[in-house]
């Protein structure tokens, strides 16, 4: 296999895994957060704050993968 082909495959896998894993995690966070709010509506504001913070951290992982893929593309 050519070096360029291996590099393109690495970039594609970085983007694919970097998009799929956070998407699954955000879906799970949202699902469990809404379930918790349904069980205890009085704590909805605390649960929502934790959900938003968790989603921000998970989304940061996707951004890191994007940065790595861009670095691989142009180096």
PDB file of N, CA and C in Angstrom:
ATOM      1  N   UNK A   1       0.839  -1.180   0.000  1.00  0.00           N
ATOM      2  CA  UNK A   1       0.000   0.000   0.000  1.00  0.00           C
ATOM      3  C   UNK A   1       0.885   1.244   0.000  1.00  0.00           C
ATOM      4  N   UNK A   2       0.469   2.232  -0.730  1.00  0.00           N
ATOM      5  CA  UNK A   2       1.221   3.480  -0.782  1.00  0.00           C
ATOM      6  C   UNK A   2       1.153   4.222   0.545  1.00  0.00           C
ATOM      7  N   UNK A   3       2.158   5.030   0.767  1.00  0.00           N
ATOM      8  CA  UNK A   3       2.202   5.826   1.997  1.00  0.00           C
ATOM      9  C   UNK A   3       1.040   6.813   2.041  1.00  0.00           C
ATOM     10  N   UNK A   4       0.725   7.431   0.917  1.00  0.00           N
ATOM     11  CA  UNK A   4      -0.379   8.397   0.855  1.00  0.00           C
ATOM     12  C   UNK A   4      -1.723   7.722   1.141  1.00  0.00           C
ATOM     13  N   UNK A   5      -1.887   6.496   0.670  1.00  0.00           N
ATOM     14  CA  UNK A   5      -3.133   5.770   0.919  1.00  0.00           C
ATOM     15  C   UNK A   5      -3.281   5.429   2.395  1.00  0.00           C
ATOM     16  N   UNK A   6      -2.201   5.045   3.021  1.00  0.00           N
ATOM     17  CA  UNK A   6      -2.236   4.741   4.456  1.00  0.00           C
ATOM     18  C   UNK A   6      -2.550   6.002   5.252  1.00  0.00           C
ATOM     19  N   UNK A   7      -1.959   7.111   4.835  1.00  0.00           N
ATOM     20  CA  UNK A   7      -2.210   8.392   5.498  1.00  0.00           C
ATOM     21  C   UNK A   7      -3.688   8.782   5.359  1.00  0.00           C
ATOM     22  N   UNK A   8      -4.252   8.626   4.154  1.00  0.00           N
ATOM     23  CA  UNK A   8      -5.668   8.946   3.947  1.00  0.00           C
ATOM     24  C   UNK A   8      -6.577   8.026   4.763  1.00  0.00           C
ATOM     25  N   UNK A   9      -6.207   6.758   4.871  1.00  0.00           N
ATOM     26  CA  UNK A   9      -6.982   5.823   5.685  1.00  0.00           C
ATOM     27  C   UNK A   9      -6.936   6.223   7.164  1.00  0.00           C
ATOM     28  N   UNK A  10      -5.781   6.645   7.638  1.00  0.00           N
ATOM     29  CA  UNK A  10      -5.658   7.093   9.031  1.00  0.00           C
ATOM     30  C   UNK A  10      -6.514   8.332   9.284  1.00  0.00           C
ATOM     31  N   UNK A  11      -6.524   9.240   8.341  1.00  0.00           N
ATOM     32  CA  UNK A  11      -7.348  10.450   8.473  1.00  0.00           C
ATOM     33  C   UNK A  11      -8.833  10.068   8.511  1.00  0.00           C
ATOM     34  N   UNK A  12      -9.237   9.175   7.616  1.00  0.00           N
ATOM     35  CA  UNK A  12     -10.640   8.761   7.564  1.00  0.00           C
ATOM     36  C   UNK A  12     -11.063   8.063   8.854  1.00  0.00           C
ATOM     37  N   UNK A  13     -10.213   7.197   9.375  1.00  0.00           N
ATOM     38  CA  UNK A  13     -10.543   6.503  10.627  1.00  0.00           C
ATOM     39  C   UNK A  13     -10.587   7.470  11.809  1.00  0.00           C
ATOM     40  N   UNK A  14      -9.691   8.436  11.809  1.00  0.00           N
ATOM     41  CA  UNK A  14      -9.691   9.433  12.890  1.00  0.00           C
ATOM     42  C   UNK A  14     -10.994  10.210  12.899  1.00  0.00           C
ATOM     43  N   UNK A  15     -11.424  10.652  11.736  1.00  0.00           N
ATOM     44  CA  UNK A  15     -12.682  11.398  11.647  1.00  0.00           C
ATOM     45  C   UNK A  15     -13.876  10.499  11.986  1.00  0.00           C
ATOM     46  N   UNK A  16     -13.881   9.274  11.466  1.00  0.00           N
ATOM     47  CA  UNK A  16     -15.016   8.377  11.694  1.00  0.00           C
ATOM     48  C   UNK A  16     -15.176   8.038  13.170  1.00  0.00           C
ATOM     49  N   UNK A  17     -14.110   7.596  13.788  1.00  0.00           N
ATOM     50  CA  UNK A  17     -14.183   7.241  15.204  1.00  0.00           C
ATOM     51  C   UNK A  17     -14.404   8.486  16.060  1.00  0.00           C
ATOM     52  N   UNK A  18     -13.773   9.590  15.637  1.00  0.00           N
ATOM     53  CA  UNK A  18     -13.926  10.846  16.377  1.00  0.00           C
ATOM     54  C   UNK A  18     -15.312  11.443  16.271  1.00  0.00           C
ATOM     55  N   UNK A  19     -16.115  11.009  15.318  1.00  0.00           N
ATOM     56  CA  UNK A  19     -17.486  11.495  15.198  1.00  0.00           C
ATOM     57  C   UNK A  19     -18.488  10.513  15.794  1.00  0.00           C
ATOM     58  N   UNK A  20     -18.240   9.225  15.611  1.00  0.00           N
ATOM     59  CA  UNK A  20     -19.196   8.211  16.068  1.00  0.00           C
ATOM     60  C   UNK A  20     -19.209   8.089  17.595  1.00  0.00           C
ATOM     61  N   UNK A  21     -18.039   8.002  18.194  1.00  0.00           N
ATOM     62  CA  UNK A  21     -17.975   7.798  19.648  1.00  0.00           C
ATOM     63  C   UNK A  21     -18.618   8.958  20.432  1.00  0.00           C
ATOM     64  N   UNK A  22     -18.287  10.226  20.123  1.00  0.00           N
ATOM     65  CA  UNK A  22     -18.972  11.307  20.837  1.00  0.00           C
ATOM     66  C   UNK A  22     -20.474  11.364  20.553  1.00  0.00           C
ATOM     67  N   UNK A  23     -20.890  11.012  19.329  1.00  0.00           N
ATOM     68  CA  UNK A  23     -22.320  11.029  19.017  1.00  0.00           C
ATOM     69  C   UNK A  23     -23.079  10.019  19.873  1.00  0.00           C
ATOM     70  N   UNK A  24     -22.519   8.841  20.019  1.00  0.00           N
ATOM     71  CA  UNK A  24     -23.146   7.824  20.869  1.00  0.00           C
ATOM     72  C   UNK A  24     -23.166   8.292  22.322  1.00  0.00           C
ATOM     73  N   UNK A  25     -22.066   8.874  22.769  1.00  0.00           N
ATOM     74  CA  UNK A  25     -21.984   9.346  24.157  1.00  0.00           C
ATOM     75  C   UNK A  25     -22.975  10.467  24.437  1.00  0.00           C
ATOM     76  N   UNK A  26     -23.092  11.414  23.512  1.00  0.00           N
ATOM     77  CA  UNK A  26     -24.043  12.520  23.707  1.00  0.00           C
ATOM     78  C   UNK A  26     -25.474  11.990  23.728  1.00  0.00           C
ATOM     79  N   UNK A  27     -25.774  11.031  22.876  1.00  0.00           N
ATOM     80  CA  UNK A  27     -27.106  10.426  22.886  1.00  0.00           C
ATOM     81  C   UNK A  27     -27.413   9.745  24.201  1.00  0.00           C
ATOM     82  N   UNK A  28     -26.412   9.055  24.732  1.00  0.00           N
ATOM     83  CA  UNK A  28     -26.607   8.376  26.015  1.00  0.00           C
ATOM     84  C   UNK A  28     -26.760   9.381  27.164  1.00  0.00           C
ATOM     85  N   UNK A  29     -25.963  10.434  27.138  1.00  0.00           N
ATOM     86  CA  UNK A  29     -26.070  11.471  28.172  1.00  0.00           C
ATOM     87  C   UNK A  29     -27.461  12.100  28.140  1.00  0.00           C
ATOM     88  N   UNK A  30     -27.926  12.444  26.943  1.00  0.00           N
ATOM     89  CA  UNK A  30     -29.252  13.051  26.815  1.00  0.00           C
ATOM     90  C   UNK A  30     -30.358  12.117  27.269  1.00  0.00           C
ATOM     91  N   UNK A  31     -30.257  10.863  26.879  1.00  0.00           N
ATOM     92  CA  UNK A  31     -31.271   9.880  27.247  1.00  0.00           C
ATOM     93  C   UNK A  31     -31.354   9.707  28.763  1.00  0.00           C
ATOM     94  N   UNK A  32     -30.214   9.500  29.373  1.00  0.00           N
ATOM     95  CA  UNK A  32     -30.201   9.285  30.825  1.00  0.00           C
ATOM     96  C   UNK A  32     -30.567  10.554  31.590  1.00  0.00           C
ATOM     97  N   UNK A  33     -30.171  11.700  31.059  1.00  0.00           N
ATOM     98  CA  UNK A  33     -30.525  12.962  31.711  1.00  0.00           C
ATOM     99  C   UNK A  33     -32.025  13.207  31.691  1.00  0.00           C
ATOM    100  N   UNK A  34     -32.650  12.973  30.545  1.00  0.00           N
ATOM    101  CA  UNK A  34     -34.091  13.149  30.462  1.00  0.00           C
ATOM    102  C   UNK A  34     -34.833  12.126  31.316  1.00  0.00           C
ATOM    103  N   UNK A  35     -34.292  10.923  31.373  1.00  0.00           N
ATOM    104  CA  UNK A  35     -34.887   9.908  32.244  1.00  0.00           C
ATOM    105  C   UNK A  35     -34.809  10.346  33.708  1.00  0.00           C
ATOM    106  N   UNK A  36     -33.665  10.902  34.095  1.00  0.00           N
ATOM    107  CA  UNK A  36     -33.509  11.374  35.476  1.00  0.00           C
ATOM    108  C   UNK A  36     -34.436  12.551  35.769  1.00  0.00           C
ATOM    109  N   UNK A  37     -34.597  13.449  34.784  1.00  0.00           N
ATOM    110  CA  UNK A  37     -35.513  14.577  34.982  1.00  0.00           C
ATOM    111  C   UNK A  37     -36.954  14.107  35.086  1.00  0.00           C
ATOM    112  N   UNK A  38     -37.296  13.067  34.363  1.00  0.00           N
ATOM    113  CA  UNK A  38     -38.645  12.518  34.454  1.00  0.00           C
ATOM    114  C   UNK A  38     -38.915  11.884  35.801  1.00  0.00           C
ATOM    115  N   UNK A  39     -37.901  11.298  36.390  1.00  0.00           N
ATOM    116  CA  UNK A  39     -38.067  10.666  37.704  1.00  0.00           C
ATOM    117  C   UNK A  39     -38.066  11.680  38.847  1.00  0.00           C
ATOM    118  N   UNK A  40     -37.307  12.766  38.669  1.00  0.00           N
ATOM    119  CA  UNK A  40     -37.193  13.761  39.730  1.00  0.00           C
ATOM    120  C   UNK A  40     -37.233  15.164  39.123  1.00  0.00           C
ATOM    121  N   UNK A  41     -38.415  15.679  38.816  1.00  0.00           N
ATOM    122  CA  UNK A  41     -38.526  16.983  38.144  1.00  0.00           C
ATOM    123  C   UNK A  41     -37.986  18.158  38.961  1.00  0.00           C
ATOM    124  N   UNK A  42     -37.961  18.014  40.284  1.00  0.00           N
ATOM    125  CA  UNK A  42     -37.467  19.115  41.117  1.00  0.00           C
ATOM    126  C   UNK A  42     -35.971  19.350  40.922  1.00  0.00           C
ATOM    127  N   UNK A  43     -35.241  18.325  40.530  1.00  0.00           N
ATOM    128  CA  UNK A  43     -33.796  18.436  40.357  1.00  0.00           C
ATOM    129  C   UNK A  43     -33.408  18.687  38.900  1.00  0.00           C
ATOM    130  N   UNK A  44     -34.368  19.108  38.087  1.00  0.00           N
ATOM    131  CA  UNK A  44     -34.117  19.261  36.652  1.00  0.00           C
ATOM    132  C   UNK A  44     -33.008  20.263  36.363  1.00  0.00           C
ATOM    133  N   UNK A  45     -32.934  21.356  37.093  1.00  0.00           N
ATOM    134  CA  UNK A  45     -31.904  22.364  36.799  1.00  0.00           C
ATOM    135  C   UNK A  45     -30.498  21.828  37.093  1.00  0.00           C
ATOM    136  N   UNK A  46     -30.356  21.089  38.180  1.00  0.00           N
ATOM    137  CA  UNK A  46     -29.043  20.506  38.498  1.00  0.00           C
ATOM    138  C   UNK A  46     -28.659  19.434  37.482  1.00  0.00           C
ATOM    139  N   UNK A  47     -29.629  18.627  37.089  1.00  0.00           N
ATOM    140  CA  UNK A  47     -29.366  17.574  36.109  1.00  0.00           C
ATOM    141  C   UNK A  47     -29.002  18.186  34.771  1.00  0.00           C
ATOM    142  N   UNK A  48     -29.722  19.229  34.374  1.00  0.00           N
ATOM    143  CA  UNK A  48     -29.471  19.879  33.091  1.00  0.00           C
ATOM    144  C   UNK A  48     -28.083  20.517  33.060  1.00  0.00           C
ATOM    145  N   UNK A  49     -27.666  21.108  34.161  1.00  0.00           N
ATOM    146  CA  UNK A  49     -26.328  21.703  34.237  1.00  0.00           C
ATOM    147  C   UNK A  49     -25.258  20.632  34.057  1.00  0.00           C
ATOM    148  N   UNK A  50     -25.430  19.514  34.724  1.00  0.00           N
ATOM    149  CA  UNK A  50     -24.482  18.418  34.587  1.00  0.00           C
ATOM    150  C   UNK A  50     -24.468  17.840  33.181  1.00  0.00           C
ATOM    151  N   UNK A  51     -25.650  17.761  32.566  1.00  0.00           N
ATOM    152  CA  UNK A  51     -25.732  17.257  31.200  1.00  0.00           C
ATOM    153  C   UNK A  51     -24.990  18.164  30.230  1.00  0.00           C
ATOM    154  N   UNK A  52     -25.210  19.452  30.330  1.00  0.00           N
ATOM    155  CA  UNK A  52     -24.570  20.394  29.414  1.00  0.00           C
ATOM    156  C   UNK A  52     -23.065  20.367  29.587  1.00  0.00           C
ATOM    157  N   UNK A  53     -22.598  20.289  30.813  1.00  0.00           N
ATOM    158  CA  UNK A  53     -21.160  20.223  31.072  1.00  0.00           C
ATOM    159  C   UNK A  53     -20.566  18.935  30.507  1.00  0.00           C
ATOM    160  N   UNK A  54     -21.251  17.824  30.690  1.00  0.00           N
ATOM    161  CA  UNK A  54     -20.778  16.546  30.157  1.00  0.00           C
ATOM    162  C   UNK A  54     -20.753  16.552  28.632  1.00  0.00           C
ATOM    163  N   UNK A  55     -21.777  17.106  28.019  1.00  0.00           N
ATOM    164  CA  UNK A  55     -21.822  17.183  26.560  1.00  0.00           C
ATOM    165  C   UNK A  55     -20.689  18.052  26.031  1.00  0.00           C
ATOM    166  N   UNK A  56     -20.364  19.133  26.734  1.00  0.00           N
ATOM    167  CA  UNK A  56     -19.254  19.989  26.301  1.00  0.00           C
ATOM    168  C   UNK A  56     -17.930  19.228  26.337  1.00  0.00           C
ATOM    169  N   UNK A  57     -17.706  18.432  27.373  1.00  0.00           N
ATOM    170  CA  UNK A  57     -16.472  17.654  27.454  1.00  0.00           C
ATOM    171  C   UNK A  57     -16.406  16.588  26.372  1.00  0.00           C
ATOM    172  N   UNK A  58     -17.520  15.937  26.099  1.00  0.00           N
ATOM    173  CA  UNK A  58     -17.543  14.908  25.057  1.00  0.00           C
ATOM    174  C   UNK A  58     -17.326  15.546  23.682  1.00  0.00           C
ATOM    175  N   UNK A  59     -17.922  16.701  23.457  1.00  0.00           N
ATOM    176  CA  UNK A  59     -17.755  17.387  22.180  1.00  0.00           C
ATOM    177  C   UNK A  59     -16.306  17.836  21.987  1.00  0.00           C
ATOM    178  N   UNK A  60     -15.619  18.113  23.079  1.00  0.00           N
ATOM    179  CA  UNK A  60     -14.197  18.481  22.980  1.00  0.00           C
ATOM    180  C   UNK A  60     -13.383  17.328  22.397  1.00  0.00           C
ATOM    181  N   UNK A  61     -13.756  16.106  22.699  1.00  0.00           N
ATOM    182  CA  UNK A  61     -13.058  14.942  22.139  1.00  0.00           C
ATOM    183  C   UNK A  61     -13.202  14.930  20.621  1.00  0.00           C
ATOM    184  N   UNK A  62     -14.394  15.240  20.131  1.00  0.00           N
ATOM    185  CA  UNK A  62     -14.612  15.286  18.684  1.00  0.00           C
ATOM    186  C   UNK A  62     -13.769  16.387  18.049  1.00  0.00           C
ATOM    187  N   UNK A  63     -13.649  17.503  18.714  1.00  0.00           N
ATOM    188  CA  UNK A  63     -12.834  18.604  18.189  1.00  0.00           C
ATOM    189  C   UNK A  63     -11.361  18.211  18.175  1.00  0.00           C
ATOM    190  N   UNK A  64     -10.897  17.512  19.207  1.00  0.00           N
ATOM    191  CA  UNK A  64      -9.506  17.043  19.217  1.00  0.00           C
ATOM    192  C   UNK A  64      -9.244  16.103  18.048  1.00  0.00           C
ATOM    193  N   UNK A  65     -10.180  15.213  17.762  1.00  0.00           N
ATOM    194  CA  UNK A  65     -10.023  14.294  16.629  1.00  0.00           C
ATOM    195  C   UNK A  65      -9.987  15.057  15.310  1.00  0.00           C
ATOM    196  N   UNK A  66     -10.797  16.092  15.190  1.00  0.00           N
ATOM    197  CA  UNK A  66     -10.777  16.909  13.989  1.00  0.00           C
ATOM    198  C   UNK A  66      -9.425  17.594  13.819  1.00  0.00           C
ATOM    199  N   UNK A  67      -8.882  18.120  14.904  1.00  0.00           N
ATOM    200  CA  UNK A  67      -7.578  18.777  14.848  1.00  0.00           C
ATOM    201  C   UNK A  67      -6.493  17.779  14.454  1.00  0.00           C
ATOM    202  N   UNK A  68      -6.527  16.593  15.017  1.00  0.00           N
ATOM    203  CA  UNK A  68      -5.541  15.560  14.670  1.00  0.00           C
ATOM    204  C   UNK A  68      -5.655  15.198  13.196  1.00  0.00           C
ATOM    205  N   UNK A  69      -6.884  15.065  12.692  1.00  0.00           N
ATOM    206  CA  UNK A  69      -7.073  14.719  11.278  1.00  0.00           C
ATOM    207  C   UNK A  69      -6.545  15.832  10.378  1.00  0.00           C
ATOM    208  N   UNK A  70      -6.775  17.080  10.741  1.00  0.00           N
ATOM    209  CA  UNK A  70      -6.268  18.193   9.942  1.00  0.00           C
ATOM    210  C   UNK A  70      -4.746  18.226   9.963  1.00  0.00           C
ATOM    211  N   UNK A  71      -4.171  17.971  11.111  1.00  0.00           N
ATOM    212  CA  UNK A  71      -2.702  17.919  11.202  1.00  0.00           C
ATOM    213  C   UNK A  71      -2.158  16.791  10.336  1.00  0.00           C
ATOM    214  N   UNK A  72      -2.797  15.625  10.379  1.00  0.00           N
ATOM    215  CA  UNK A  72      -2.351  14.502   9.540  1.00  0.00           C
ATOM    216  C   UNK A  72      -2.473  14.837   8.053  1.00  0.00           C
ATOM    217  N   UNK A  73      -3.511  15.554   7.691  1.00  0.00           N
ATOM    218  CA  UNK A  73      -3.746  15.886   6.291  1.00  0.00           C
ATOM    219  C   UNK A  73      -2.650  16.800   5.735  1.00  0.00           C
ATOM    220  N   UNK A  74      -2.240  17.769   6.525  1.00  0.00           N
ATOM    221  CA  UNK A  74      -1.329  18.786   6.006  1.00  0.00           C
ATOM    222  C   UNK A  74       0.128  18.607   6.408  1.00  0.00           C
ATOM    223  N   UNK A  75       0.428  17.511   7.074  1.00  0.00           N
ATOM    224  CA  UNK A  75       1.846  17.251   7.451  1.00  0.00           C
ATOM    225  C   UNK A  75       2.389  16.101   6.638  1.00  0.00           C
TER     226      UNK A  75
END
